[in-house]
Amino acid sequence: MSDILLSAQNLSMRFGGVLAVNNVSFDVRKGEVFTLIGPNGAGKTTVFNLISRLYTPTAGEIFFEGHNLTQAPPHQIASMGIARTFQNIELFEHASVLHNLLIGRHTHRSTGLWSELFFTRKTRLAEIAAREHVERVIDLLNLQHYRDAMVAGLPYGVRKVVELARALSTGPKLLLLDEPSSGLNVEETGDMAFWIKDIQYELGITVLMVEHDMSLVSKVSDRVLAMNQGAMLAQGTPAEVQDDAGVIEAYLGSVDDMSSLRRRPSAGAAGEVTW
């Protein structure tokens, strides 16, 4: 049996005269953390939007567990086993953390209108199962203290974790993380790295991530695909991609001028490390 969970084949995406993604292909293996990196405007988030069916590719196909995602309607993506987070947090701010997570679990509800209306035994059992699953996610991400708090009153770093928790509440096979460390400080980014590894090893969930913080990328990624201006630059382990001349030039400019910086990462905003 193939160990390929997701396969992107010759993806291209054009917005008018702009070619945002140009003939990109990659495979994501079951159980790994696969990361897309590249400068701003490289096309990374566009690839995410193609996988989650916010966009339909101009050319190419995406297969998930052998099923052609490009032929699936967007509303079926979550029930197929794909969940994602966003660069800009998308939560119900005037609901509690618990209720946000239960909303994420709603995709697995199998009860009908009359069962819900009369709160039948089937509905009660479904409610219990959903609550048990969500409570396990709360325990995993240490959100017990915030369970009943309104999202609107939470610090930014905690809301980032709540969004991750809501994605996990859907019970995904593939988790798409769009810049999970964005806006986090050094300590919060360290916690995020710890949780990503727990998601991979304890829950057995495959992770596809877009990330700028190279410290986080190096800590958690099994393989990395570097992109620039919509095209692929290099693919391999974090160390292999970091040493690629094309990747260094895309991040730093001239390889000759910046060769002395190849092994000296510099600290950016909120603890971000760039090559």
Protein backbone atom coordinates (compact mmCIF):
# COMPACT_ATOMS: atom_id res chain seq x y z
CA MET A 1 0.00 0.00 0.00
CA SER A 2 1.31 3.46 -0.89
CA ASP A 3 2.44 5.70 1.95
CA ILE A 4 1.45 8.83 -0.03
CA LEU A 5 -1.44 10.64 1.64
CA LEU A 6 -1.56 13.76 -0.55
CA SER A 7 -0.20 14.23 -4.06
CA ALA A 8 -0.10 17.57 -5.86
CA GLN A 9 0.60 17.12 -9.56
CA ASN A 10 1.65 19.98 -11.87
CA LEU A 11 -0.39 22.61 -10.04
CA SER A 12 -0.73 26.03 -11.62
CA MET A 13 -2.92 28.92 -10.54
CA ARG A 14 -3.40 32.11 -12.54
CA PHE A 15 -5.15 35.27 -11.35
CA GLY A 16 -5.64 37.30 -14.52
CA GLY A 17 -2.12 38.01 -15.76
CA VAL A 18 -0.44 36.84 -12.55
CA LEU A 19 0.84 33.26 -12.39
CA ALA A 20 0.74 32.70 -8.62
CA VAL A 21 1.62 28.97 -8.77
CA ASN A 22 3.62 27.57 -11.66
CA ASN A 23 3.76 23.79 -12.26
CA VAL A 24 4.26 22.74 -8.63
CA SER A 25 4.35 19.02 -7.74
CA PHE A 26 4.98 17.29 -4.42
CA ASP A 27 3.87 14.30 -2.35
CA VAL A 28 3.10 14.28 1.37
CA ARG A 29 3.71 10.95 3.08
CA LYS A 30 1.52 9.59 5.86
CA GLY A 31 2.73 10.61 9.31
CA GLU A 32 5.24 13.26 8.28
CA VAL A 33 5.53 17.02 8.74
CA PHE A 34 5.99 18.57 5.29
CA THR A 35 6.66 22.30 5.14
CA LEU A 36 6.37 24.89 2.36
CA ILE A 37 8.79 27.79 2.73
CA GLY A 38 9.66 30.82 0.63
CA PRO A 39 9.65 34.62 0.62
CA ASN A 40 6.41 36.59 0.72
CA GLY A 41 4.52 36.14 -2.54
CA ALA A 42 6.10 32.76 -3.27
CA GLY A 43 2.69 31.09 -3.71
CA LYS A 44 2.67 29.02 -0.52
CA THR A 45 -0.74 30.08 0.79
CA THR A 46 -2.19 29.80 -2.71
CA VAL A 47 -1.17 26.13 -2.69
CA PHE A 48 -2.96 25.77 0.67
CA ASN A 49 -6.06 27.39 -0.78
CA LEU A 50 -5.97 24.97 -3.71
CA ILE A 51 -5.77 21.96 -1.37
CA SER A 52 -8.60 23.20 0.84
CA ARG A 53 -10.63 23.98 -2.33
CA LEU A 54 -10.96 27.70 -1.76
CA TYR A 55 -9.52 27.91 -5.27
CA THR A 56 -9.76 25.59 -8.26
CA PRO A 57 -6.40 25.19 -10.02
CA THR A 58 -5.95 26.60 -13.50
CA ALA A 59 -4.04 23.40 -14.31
CA GLY A 60 -3.00 20.25 -12.47
CA GLU A 61 -4.67 17.92 -9.97
CA ILE A 62 -4.56 17.12 -6.25
CA PHE A 63 -5.16 13.61 -4.91
CA PHE A 64 -5.96 12.79 -1.28
CA GLU A 65 -6.03 9.09 -0.39
CA GLY A 66 -6.43 8.41 -4.10
CA HIS A 67 -9.45 10.73 -4.46
CA ASN A 68 -9.24 13.67 -6.83
CA LEU A 69 -9.74 16.75 -4.64
CA THR A 70 -10.08 19.03 -7.63
CA GLN A 71 -13.40 17.31 -8.38
CA ALA A 72 -14.70 17.54 -4.80
CA PRO A 73 -16.92 20.43 -3.65
CA PRO A 74 -15.36 22.65 -0.96
CA HIS A 75 -17.91 21.73 1.72
CA GLN A 76 -16.81 18.08 1.63
CA ILE A 77 -13.13 18.72 2.38
CA ALA A 78 -13.47 18.67 6.18
CA SER A 79 -15.50 15.44 6.18
CA MET A 80 -12.85 13.83 3.96
CA GLY A 81 -10.29 14.34 6.72
CA ILE A 82 -8.58 17.66 5.93
CA ALA A 83 -8.51 20.55 8.41
CA ARG A 84 -6.66 23.85 8.31
CA THR A 85 -5.78 26.96 10.25
CA PHE A 86 -5.40 30.45 8.77
CA GLN A 87 -2.82 33.24 8.95
CA ASN A 88 -5.57 35.48 10.31
CA ILE A 89 -7.36 33.77 13.16
CA GLU A 90 -10.90 32.72 12.23
CA LEU A 91 -12.84 31.95 15.43
CA PHE A 92 -16.27 32.75 16.85
CA GLU A 93 -15.13 35.48 19.23
CA HIS A 94 -18.34 35.70 21.25
CA ALA A 95 -18.45 31.97 21.96
CA SER A 96 -16.42 30.07 24.52
CA VAL A 97 -13.35 28.01 23.72
CA LEU A 98 -15.34 24.83 24.36
CA HIS A 99 -18.13 25.87 22.00
CA ASN A 100 -15.65 26.79 19.26
CA LEU A 101 -14.15 23.31 19.50
CA LEU A 102 -17.56 21.63 19.50
CA ILE A 103 -18.43 23.56 16.33
CA GLY A 104 -15.30 22.08 14.78
CA ARG A 105 -16.51 18.62 15.78
CA HIS A 106 -19.91 19.23 14.15
CA THR A 107 -18.67 17.85 10.81
CA HIS A 108 -18.90 14.33 12.28
CA ARG A 109 -22.50 14.60 13.49
CA SER A 110 -24.77 11.94 11.99
CA THR A 111 -28.02 12.81 13.75
CA GLY A 112 -30.96 14.32 11.86
CA LEU A 113 -33.36 17.16 12.52
CA TRP A 114 -35.98 15.16 14.46
CA SER A 115 -33.36 13.38 16.54
CA GLU A 116 -31.87 16.75 17.46
CA LEU A 117 -35.27 18.31 18.12
CA PHE A 118 -36.41 15.59 20.53
CA PHE A 119 -32.90 15.00 21.92
CA THR A 120 -33.11 11.25 21.40
CA ARG A 121 -30.72 8.69 22.81
CA LYS A 122 -28.73 8.76 19.56
CA THR A 123 -28.31 12.52 19.89
CA ARG A 124 -27.30 12.26 23.55
CA LEU A 125 -24.64 9.65 22.73
CA ALA A 126 -23.36 11.82 19.88
CA GLU A 127 -23.11 14.81 22.24
CA ILE A 128 -21.15 12.75 24.76
CA ALA A 129 -18.77 11.42 22.10
CA ALA A 130 -18.16 14.92 20.73
CA ARG A 131 -17.48 16.31 24.20
CA GLU A 132 -15.06 13.47 25.00
CA HIS A 133 -13.11 14.10 21.80
CA VAL A 134 -12.95 17.84 22.39
CA GLU A 135 -11.84 17.37 26.01
CA ARG A 136 -8.92 15.21 24.82
CA VAL A 137 -7.86 18.05 22.50
CA ILE A 138 -8.15 20.55 25.36
CA ASP A 139 -5.91 18.34 27.52
CA LEU A 140 -3.38 17.86 24.72
CA LEU A 141 -2.95 21.61 24.18
CA ASN A 142 -3.20 22.61 27.85
CA LEU A 143 -6.32 24.70 27.35
CA GLN A 144 -8.10 23.57 30.51
CA HIS A 145 -7.81 27.02 32.10
CA TYR A 146 -9.54 28.64 29.11
CA ARG A 147 -12.28 26.05 28.49
CA ASP A 148 -15.20 28.33 29.41
CA ALA A 149 -13.60 31.68 28.52
CA MET A 150 -14.92 33.84 25.68
CA VAL A 151 -12.50 33.88 22.76
CA ALA A 152 -12.74 37.69 22.44
CA GLY A 153 -11.03 38.17 25.80
CA LEU A 154 -8.10 35.83 25.19
CA PRO A 155 -4.51 36.87 24.40
CA TYR A 156 -3.44 36.47 20.77
CA GLY A 157 -1.14 33.54 21.50
CA VAL A 158 -3.91 31.60 23.23
CA ARG A 159 -6.31 32.25 20.35
CA LYS A 160 -3.74 30.78 17.96
CA VAL A 161 -3.75 27.60 20.05
CA VAL A 162 -7.56 27.59 20.15
CA GLU A 163 -7.68 27.72 16.36
CA LEU A 164 -5.28 24.78 16.24
CA ALA A 165 -7.51 22.97 18.73
CA ARG A 166 -10.62 23.59 16.64
CA ALA A 167 -8.88 22.12 13.58
CA LEU A 168 -7.88 19.06 15.62
CA SER A 169 -11.45 18.70 16.86
CA THR A 170 -12.52 17.74 13.35
CA GLY A 171 -10.42 14.59 13.67
CA PRO A 172 -8.30 15.20 10.56
CA LYS A 173 -5.96 12.84 8.76
CA LEU A 174 -4.18 15.84 7.22
CA LEU A 175 -3.72 19.10 9.11
CA LEU A 176 -2.85 22.26 7.15
CA LEU A 177 -1.08 24.84 9.32
CA ASP A 178 -0.79 28.27 7.71
CA GLU A 179 2.05 30.12 9.49
CA PRO A 180 1.32 28.72 12.98
CA SER A 181 4.06 30.82 14.64
CA SER A 182 2.95 34.14 13.12
CA GLY A 183 2.63 36.75 15.87
CA LEU A 184 3.94 34.45 18.61
CA ASN A 185 6.86 35.21 20.91
CA VAL A 186 9.85 32.90 21.38
CA GLU A 187 8.29 30.93 24.23
CA GLU A 188 4.96 30.50 22.43
CA THR A 189 6.76 29.39 19.26
CA GLY A 190 8.63 26.77 21.31
CA ASP A 191 5.31 25.51 22.64
CA MET A 192 3.93 25.36 19.10
CA ALA A 193 6.87 23.19 18.01
CA PHE A 194 6.21 20.86 20.94
CA TRP A 195 2.52 20.55 20.05
CA ILE A 196 3.19 19.92 16.37
CA LYS A 197 5.44 17.00 17.28
CA ASP A 198 2.76 15.69 19.69
CA ILE A 199 0.16 15.94 16.92
CA GLN A 200 2.46 13.97 14.64
CA TYR A 201 3.54 11.26 17.08
CA GLU A 202 0.72 10.97 19.62
CA LEU A 203 -2.23 11.53 17.29
CA GLY A 204 -0.65 10.13 14.11
CA ILE A 205 -1.82 13.13 12.08
CA THR A 206 0.06 14.18 8.95
CA VAL A 207 0.96 17.88 8.91
CA LEU A 208 1.41 20.16 5.89
CA MET A 209 2.69 23.54 7.03
CA VAL A 210 3.49 26.96 5.61
CA GLU A 211 6.03 28.75 7.79
CA HIS A 212 8.55 31.61 7.75
CA ASP A 213 10.24 30.89 11.09
CA MET A 214 13.17 28.70 10.06
CA SER A 215 13.92 27.72 13.64
CA LEU A 216 10.47 26.13 13.89
CA VAL A 217 10.82 24.60 10.41
CA SER A 218 14.11 22.94 11.34
CA LYS A 219 12.73 21.59 14.62
CA VAL A 220 9.58 19.91 13.35
CA SER A 221 9.87 19.25 9.60
CA ASP A 222 10.72 15.91 8.05
CA ARG A 223 10.88 17.41 4.55
CA VAL A 224 10.73 20.91 3.12
CA LEU A 225 9.73 22.36 -0.25
CA ALA A 226 11.11 25.82 -1.00
CA MET A 227 9.18 28.04 -3.42
CA ASN A 228 9.84 31.40 -5.03
CA GLN A 229 7.62 33.42 -7.36
CA GLY A 230 5.19 30.50 -7.66
CA ALA A 231 7.78 27.90 -8.71
CA MET A 232 9.67 25.15 -6.90
CA LEU A 233 13.27 25.88 -5.86
CA ALA A 234 14.36 22.85 -3.84
CA GLN A 235 12.99 19.89 -1.91
CA GLY A 236 14.57 17.72 0.78
CA THR A 237 15.38 17.71 4.47
CA PRO A 238 15.56 21.08 6.25
CA ALA A 239 19.36 20.95 6.18
CA GLU A 240 19.47 20.09 2.48
CA VAL A 241 17.11 22.90 1.55
CA GLN A 242 18.94 25.38 3.79
CA ASP A 243 22.17 24.66 1.91
CA ASP A 244 20.62 25.01 -1.55
CA ALA A 245 22.12 27.93 -3.47
CA GLY A 246 18.80 28.93 -5.04
CA VAL A 247 17.09 29.04 -1.64
CA ILE A 248 19.87 31.15 -0.12
CA GLU A 249 19.67 33.60 -2.98
CA ALA A 250 15.87 33.85 -2.74
CA TYR A 251 16.11 34.73 0.95
CA LEU A 252 19.30 36.75 1.12
CA GLY A 253 20.08 38.03 -2.37
CA SER A 254 23.40 37.27 -4.07
CA VAL A 255 24.88 33.95 -2.94
CA ASP A 256 28.41 35.39 -3.20
CA ASP A 257 27.58 38.48 -1.18
CA MET A 258 25.75 36.55 1.53
CA SER A 259 27.75 33.33 1.74
CA SER A 260 29.16 34.34 5.11
CA LEU A 261 25.63 34.41 6.54
CA ARG A 262 24.66 30.89 5.53
CA ARG A 263 25.34 29.51 8.99
CA ARG A 264 24.40 32.59 11.01
CA PRO A 265 20.64 32.89 11.42
CA SER A 266 19.38 36.31 12.47
CA ALA A 267 16.52 36.93 14.87
CA GLY A 268 13.46 38.63 13.42
CA ALA A 269 10.24 39.90 14.91
CA ALA A 270 8.69 37.88 17.73
CA GLY A 271 11.59 35.45 17.77
CA GLU A 272 11.35 34.60 14.07
CA VAL A 273 14.58 33.29 12.61
CA THR A 274 15.37 33.76 8.94
CA TRP A 275 18.32 32.55 6.94
